[in-house]
Amino acid sequence: MSWQRSGDDAARSARPGPSLKARALRLLAQREHSRAELERKLQAHADDPAALAEALDALQARGFIDEARVADSVLHRRAERVGAARVRAELQTKGLATEVVAEAVARLQDTELERAQALWQRKFGAPATDLAGRARQVRFLVARGFAADVVRRVVPRAVAGGAEDDPELAA
């Protein structure tokens, strides 16, 4: 048994891969992508940066690439589980315009307290009984991008251990 390629296999490997536009459409079919994300993902497949820019321009002109849809998609997928700061960071990482990021984060500000309360209830459901438990609950919400003032309002004071007398926790 020989491990050499047959003529058919050699011809198949010599064929060029999908075009940049086809690759971009395949990525966009999976989820919304910003132009910056597509540029980063398709750079390795582009022989010429101008060809990549041209393909992305054509897709953007036809409405396949839309920053507002990307922001809406991230809000829809992530807002229930993370705070405004985390969403802002994700949108900035995607290379969206500052105005689009600011508008998306502004929409989240109104529901920040309710979303943090719902997340805390799902994760913990009951106040911590000691300071270490309360600190763990606080870290959980802060790590998910909720503002410190929101976290203070959501996480109840620890009952045992004299938390009411602790000046650090009184804030």
C-alpha atoms as a PDB file:
ATOM      1  CA  MET A   1       0.000   0.000   0.000  1.00  0.00           C
ATOM      2  CA  SER A   2       1.475   3.282  -1.067  1.00  0.00           C
ATOM      3  CA  TRP A   3       1.035   6.586   0.762  1.00  0.00           C
ATOM      4  CA  GLN A   4       1.579   8.675  -2.346  1.00  0.00           C
ATOM      5  CA  ARG A   5      -1.159  10.963  -3.466  1.00  0.00           C
ATOM      6  CA  SER A   6      -3.188   9.945  -6.431  1.00  0.00           C
ATOM      7  CA  GLY A   7      -3.618  12.437  -9.233  1.00  0.00           C
ATOM      8  CA  ASP A   8      -7.109  13.289  -7.998  1.00  0.00           C
ATOM      9  CA  ASP A   9      -5.831  14.180  -4.487  1.00  0.00           C
ATOM     10  CA  ALA A  10      -3.068  16.376  -5.894  1.00  0.00           C
ATOM     11  CA  ALA A  11      -5.567  18.269  -8.053  1.00  0.00           C
ATOM     12  CA  ARG A  12      -7.893  18.748  -5.078  1.00  0.00           C
ATOM     13  CA  SER A  13      -5.123  20.235  -2.918  1.00  0.00           C
ATOM     14  CA  ALA A  14      -4.021  22.553  -5.737  1.00  0.00           C
ATOM     15  CA  ARG A  15      -7.486  24.126  -5.940  1.00  0.00           C
ATOM     16  CA  PRO A  16      -7.740  27.486  -4.248  1.00  0.00           C
ATOM     17  CA  GLY A  17      -9.808  27.723  -1.084  1.00  0.00           C
ATOM     18  CA  PRO A  18     -12.986  29.730  -0.729  1.00  0.00           C
ATOM     19  CA  SER A  19     -12.838  33.384  -1.635  1.00  0.00           C
ATOM     20  CA  LEU A  20     -12.467  36.042   1.032  1.00  0.00           C
ATOM     21  CA  LYS A  21     -16.088  37.036   0.543  1.00  0.00           C
ATOM     22  CA  ALA A  22     -17.237  33.422   0.966  1.00  0.00           C
ATOM     23  CA  ARG A  23     -15.151  33.014   4.106  1.00  0.00           C
ATOM     24  CA  ALA A  24     -16.576  36.250   5.522  1.00  0.00           C
ATOM     25  CA  LEU A  25     -20.133  35.146   4.732  1.00  0.00           C
ATOM     26  CA  ARG A  26     -19.510  31.825   6.448  1.00  0.00           C
ATOM     27  CA  LEU A  27     -18.337  33.672   9.573  1.00  0.00           C
ATOM     28  CA  LEU A  28     -21.299  36.046   9.415  1.00  0.00           C
ATOM     29  CA  ALA A  29     -23.703  33.116   9.113  1.00  0.00           C
ATOM     30  CA  GLN A  30     -22.497  31.835  12.486  1.00  0.00           C
ATOM     31  CA  ARG A  31     -22.933  35.166  14.345  1.00  0.00           C
ATOM     32  CA  GLU A  32     -22.607  38.897  13.794  1.00  0.00           C
ATOM     33  CA  HIS A  33     -19.019  40.092  13.362  1.00  0.00           C
ATOM     34  CA  SER A  34     -17.639  43.615  13.237  1.00  0.00           C
ATOM     35  CA  ARG A  35     -15.475  44.688  10.348  1.00  0.00           C
ATOM     36  CA  ALA A  36     -12.390  44.672  12.602  1.00  0.00           C
ATOM     37  CA  GLU A  37     -13.100  41.079  13.683  1.00  0.00           C
ATOM     38  CA  LEU A  38     -13.491  39.944  10.078  1.00  0.00           C
ATOM     39  CA  GLU A  39     -10.275  41.698   9.073  1.00  0.00           C
ATOM     40  CA  ARG A  40      -8.403  39.963  11.883  1.00  0.00           C
ATOM     41  CA  LYS A  41      -9.843  36.534  11.084  1.00  0.00           C
ATOM     42  CA  LEU A  42      -9.382  36.781   7.320  1.00  0.00           C
ATOM     43  CA  GLN A  43      -5.885  38.328   7.229  1.00  0.00           C
ATOM     44  CA  ALA A  44      -4.236  34.929   7.024  1.00  0.00           C
ATOM     45  CA  HIS A  45      -6.253  34.064   3.908  1.00  0.00           C
ATOM     46  CA  ALA A  46      -5.690  37.351   2.077  1.00  0.00           C
ATOM     47  CA  ASP A  47      -2.783  37.630  -0.315  1.00  0.00           C
ATOM     48  CA  ASP A  48      -3.419  41.326  -0.739  1.00  0.00           C
ATOM     49  CA  PRO A  49      -4.746  43.623   2.038  1.00  0.00           C
ATOM     50  CA  ALA A  50      -6.489  45.705  -0.628  1.00  0.00           C
ATOM     51  CA  ALA A  51      -8.462  42.650  -1.781  1.00  0.00           C
ATOM     52  CA  LEU A  52      -9.586  42.027   1.789  1.00  0.00           C
ATOM     53  CA  ALA A  53     -10.649  45.652   2.211  1.00  0.00           C
ATOM     54  CA  GLU A  54     -12.517  45.498  -1.097  1.00  0.00           C
ATOM     55  CA  ALA A  55     -14.375  42.321  -0.103  1.00  0.00           C
ATOM     56  CA  LEU A  56     -15.337  43.780   3.276  1.00  0.00           C
ATOM     57  CA  ASP A  57     -16.418  47.065   1.640  1.00  0.00           C
ATOM     58  CA  ALA A  58     -18.731  45.120  -0.677  1.00  0.00           C
ATOM     59  CA  LEU A  59     -20.244  43.191   2.238  1.00  0.00           C
ATOM     60  CA  GLN A  60     -20.683  46.369   4.276  1.00  0.00           C
ATOM     61  CA  ALA A  61     -22.331  48.167   1.330  1.00  0.00           C
ATOM     62  CA  ARG A  62     -24.854  45.322   1.025  1.00  0.00           C
ATOM     63  CA  GLY A  63     -25.631  45.431   4.753  1.00  0.00           C
ATOM     64  CA  PHE A  64     -23.960  42.187   5.789  1.00  0.00           C
ATOM     65  CA  ILE A  65     -21.635  44.008   8.202  1.00  0.00           C
ATOM     66  CA  ASP A  66     -23.436  46.341  10.613  1.00  0.00           C
ATOM     67  CA  GLU A  67     -21.947  47.629  13.875  1.00  0.00           C
ATOM     68  CA  ALA A  68     -25.347  48.304  15.444  1.00  0.00           C
ATOM     69  CA  ARG A  69     -26.386  44.680  14.841  1.00  0.00           C
ATOM     70  CA  VAL A  70     -23.128  43.475  16.389  1.00  0.00           C
ATOM     71  CA  ALA A  71     -23.793  45.568  19.502  1.00  0.00           C
ATOM     72  CA  ASP A  72     -27.398  44.334  19.710  1.00  0.00           C
ATOM     73  CA  SER A  73     -26.213  40.757  19.360  1.00  0.00           C
ATOM     74  CA  VAL A  74     -23.702  41.123  22.190  1.00  0.00           C
ATOM     75  CA  LEU A  75     -26.320  42.791  24.395  1.00  0.00           C
ATOM     76  CA  HIS A  76     -28.799  40.024  23.687  1.00  0.00           C
ATOM     77  CA  ARG A  77     -26.298  37.238  24.399  1.00  0.00           C
ATOM     78  CA  ARG A  78     -24.412  38.694  27.352  1.00  0.00           C
ATOM     79  CA  ALA A  79     -26.438  41.358  29.192  1.00  0.00           C
ATOM     80  CA  GLU A  80     -28.268  38.890  31.412  1.00  0.00           C
ATOM     81  CA  ARG A  81     -25.024  37.509  32.834  1.00  0.00           C
ATOM     82  CA  VAL A  82     -22.627  40.463  32.870  1.00  0.00           C
ATOM     83  CA  GLY A  83     -22.577  44.127  33.831  1.00  0.00           C
ATOM     84  CA  ALA A  84     -22.177  47.217  31.701  1.00  0.00           C
ATOM     85  CA  ALA A  85     -18.401  47.438  32.231  1.00  0.00           C
ATOM     86  CA  ARG A  86     -17.888  43.908  30.894  1.00  0.00           C
ATOM     87  CA  VAL A  87     -20.162  44.542  27.903  1.00  0.00           C
ATOM     88  CA  ARG A  88     -18.254  47.777  27.169  1.00  0.00           C
ATOM     89  CA  ALA A  89     -14.956  45.871  27.191  1.00  0.00           C
ATOM     90  CA  GLU A  90     -16.324  43.175  24.856  1.00  0.00           C
ATOM     91  CA  LEU A  91     -17.685  45.729  22.400  1.00  0.00           C
ATOM     92  CA  GLN A  92     -14.403  47.661  22.401  1.00  0.00           C
ATOM     93  CA  THR A  93     -12.513  44.413  21.795  1.00  0.00           C
ATOM     94  CA  LYS A  94     -14.669  43.848  18.731  1.00  0.00           C
ATOM     95  CA  GLY A  95     -13.446  47.169  17.352  1.00  0.00           C
ATOM     96  CA  LEU A  96     -16.785  48.961  17.329  1.00  0.00           C
ATOM     97  CA  ALA A  97     -17.027  52.735  17.086  1.00  0.00           C
ATOM     98  CA  THR A  98     -16.994  54.653  20.369  1.00  0.00           C
ATOM     99  CA  GLU A  99     -20.491  56.051  19.742  1.00  0.00           C
ATOM    100  CA  VAL A 100     -21.964  52.576  19.166  1.00  0.00           C
ATOM    101  CA  VAL A 101     -20.337  51.273  22.362  1.00  0.00           C
ATOM    102  CA  ALA A 102     -21.529  54.269  24.395  1.00  0.00           C
ATOM    103  CA  GLU A 103     -25.105  53.924  23.110  1.00  0.00           C
ATOM    104  CA  ALA A 104     -25.194  50.185  23.879  1.00  0.00           C
ATOM    105  CA  VAL A 105     -23.817  50.675  27.397  1.00  0.00           C
ATOM    106  CA  ALA A 106     -26.303  53.504  28.041  1.00  0.00           C
ATOM    107  CA  ARG A 107     -29.157  51.097  27.250  1.00  0.00           C
ATOM    108  CA  LEU A 108     -27.812  48.714  29.918  1.00  0.00           C
ATOM    109  CA  GLN A 109     -27.485  51.308  32.683  1.00  0.00           C
ATOM    110  CA  ASP A 110     -31.233  51.425  33.364  1.00  0.00           C
ATOM    111  CA  THR A 111     -31.419  47.704  34.131  1.00  0.00           C
ATOM    112  CA  GLU A 112     -28.041  47.227  35.833  1.00  0.00           C
ATOM    113  CA  LEU A 113     -29.485  46.842  39.341  1.00  0.00           C
ATOM    114  CA  GLU A 114     -32.213  44.404  38.289  1.00  0.00           C
ATOM    115  CA  ARG A 115     -29.807  42.273  36.237  1.00  0.00           C
ATOM    116  CA  ALA A 116     -27.282  42.132  39.098  1.00  0.00           C
ATOM    117  CA  GLN A 117     -30.032  41.214  41.556  1.00  0.00           C
ATOM    118  CA  ALA A 118     -31.326  38.430  39.285  1.00  0.00           C
ATOM    119  CA  LEU A 119     -27.814  37.053  38.749  1.00  0.00           C
ATOM    120  CA  TRP A 120     -27.053  37.155  42.486  1.00  0.00           C
ATOM    121  CA  GLN A 121     -30.356  35.386  43.225  1.00  0.00           C
ATOM    122  CA  ARG A 122     -29.650  32.630  40.666  1.00  0.00           C
ATOM    123  CA  LYS A 123     -26.089  32.093  41.891  1.00  0.00           C
ATOM    124  CA  PHE A 124     -26.448  32.486  45.657  1.00  0.00           C
ATOM    125  CA  GLY A 125     -30.092  32.913  46.604  1.00  0.00           C
ATOM    126  CA  ALA A 126     -29.349  33.730  50.243  1.00  0.00           C
ATOM    127  CA  PRO A 127     -27.219  36.226  52.137  1.00  0.00           C
ATOM    128  CA  ALA A 128     -23.789  35.116  53.233  1.00  0.00           C
ATOM    129  CA  THR A 129     -23.467  34.089  56.854  1.00  0.00           C
ATOM    130  CA  ASP A 130     -19.940  35.437  57.271  1.00  0.00           C
ATOM    131  CA  LEU A 131     -17.623  38.079  55.873  1.00  0.00           C
ATOM    132  CA  ALA A 132     -15.718  35.633  53.683  1.00  0.00           C
ATOM    133  CA  GLY A 133     -18.949  34.511  52.036  1.00  0.00           C
ATOM    134  CA  ARG A 134     -20.035  38.097  51.475  1.00  0.00           C
ATOM    135  CA  ALA A 135     -16.642  38.936  49.979  1.00  0.00           C
ATOM    136  CA  ARG A 136     -17.028  35.970  47.598  1.00  0.00           C
ATOM    137  CA  GLN A 137     -20.444  37.241  46.491  1.00  0.00           C
ATOM    138  CA  VAL A 138     -19.081  40.751  45.961  1.00  0.00           C
ATOM    139  CA  ARG A 139     -16.114  39.458  43.931  1.00  0.00           C
ATOM    140  CA  PHE A 140     -18.465  37.358  41.800  1.00  0.00           C
ATOM    141  CA  LEU A 141     -20.519  40.382  40.723  1.00  0.00           C
ATOM    142  CA  VAL A 142     -17.571  42.753  40.346  1.00  0.00           C
ATOM    143  CA  ALA A 143     -15.723  40.233  38.171  1.00  0.00           C
ATOM    144  CA  ARG A 144     -18.735  40.152  35.884  1.00  0.00           C
ATOM    145  CA  GLY A 145     -18.570  43.895  35.316  1.00  0.00           C
ATOM    146  CA  PHE A 146     -21.211  45.260  37.654  1.00  0.00           C
ATOM    147  CA  ALA A 147     -20.501  48.662  39.187  1.00  0.00           C
ATOM    148  CA  ALA A 148     -19.411  48.788  42.834  1.00  0.00           C
ATOM    149  CA  ASP A 149     -22.424  50.871  43.920  1.00  0.00           C
ATOM    150  CA  VAL A 150     -24.780  48.343  42.310  1.00  0.00           C
ATOM    151  CA  VAL A 151     -22.961  45.455  43.995  1.00  0.00           C
ATOM    152  CA  ARG A 152     -23.230  47.207  47.378  1.00  0.00           C
ATOM    153  CA  ARG A 153     -26.982  47.504  46.897  1.00  0.00           C
ATOM    154  CA  VAL A 154     -27.411  43.899  45.737  1.00  0.00           C
ATOM    155  CA  VAL A 155     -25.270  41.885  48.152  1.00  0.00           C
ATOM    156  CA  PRO A 156     -26.881  41.849  51.598  1.00  0.00           C
ATOM    157  CA  ARG A 157     -24.830  42.468  54.699  1.00  0.00           C
ATOM    158  CA  ALA A 158     -23.505  39.357  56.424  1.00  0.00           C
ATOM    159  CA  VAL A 159     -25.620  38.581  59.471  1.00  0.00           C
ATOM    160  CA  ALA A 160     -23.070  36.777  61.597  1.00  0.00           C
ATOM    161  CA  GLY A 161     -19.596  38.053  62.363  1.00  0.00           C
ATOM    162  CA  GLY A 162     -20.416  41.669  63.212  1.00  0.00           C
ATOM    163  CA  ALA A 163     -20.594  42.965  59.643  1.00  0.00           C
ATOM    164  CA  GLU A 164     -22.699  45.896  60.794  1.00  0.00           C
ATOM    165  CA  ASP A 165     -19.807  47.118  62.945  1.00  0.00           C
ATOM    166  CA  ASP A 166     -17.167  46.741  60.197  1.00  0.00           C
ATOM    167  CA  PRO A 167     -16.530  50.214  58.657  1.00  0.00           C
ATOM    168  CA  GLU A 168     -15.280  48.686  55.380  1.00  0.00           C
ATOM    169  CA  LEU A 169     -18.558  46.919  54.787  1.00  0.00           C
ATOM    170  CA  ALA A 170     -20.706  49.825  55.927  1.00  0.00           C
ATOM    171  CA  ALA A 171     -19.868  51.766  52.758  1.00  0.00           C
END
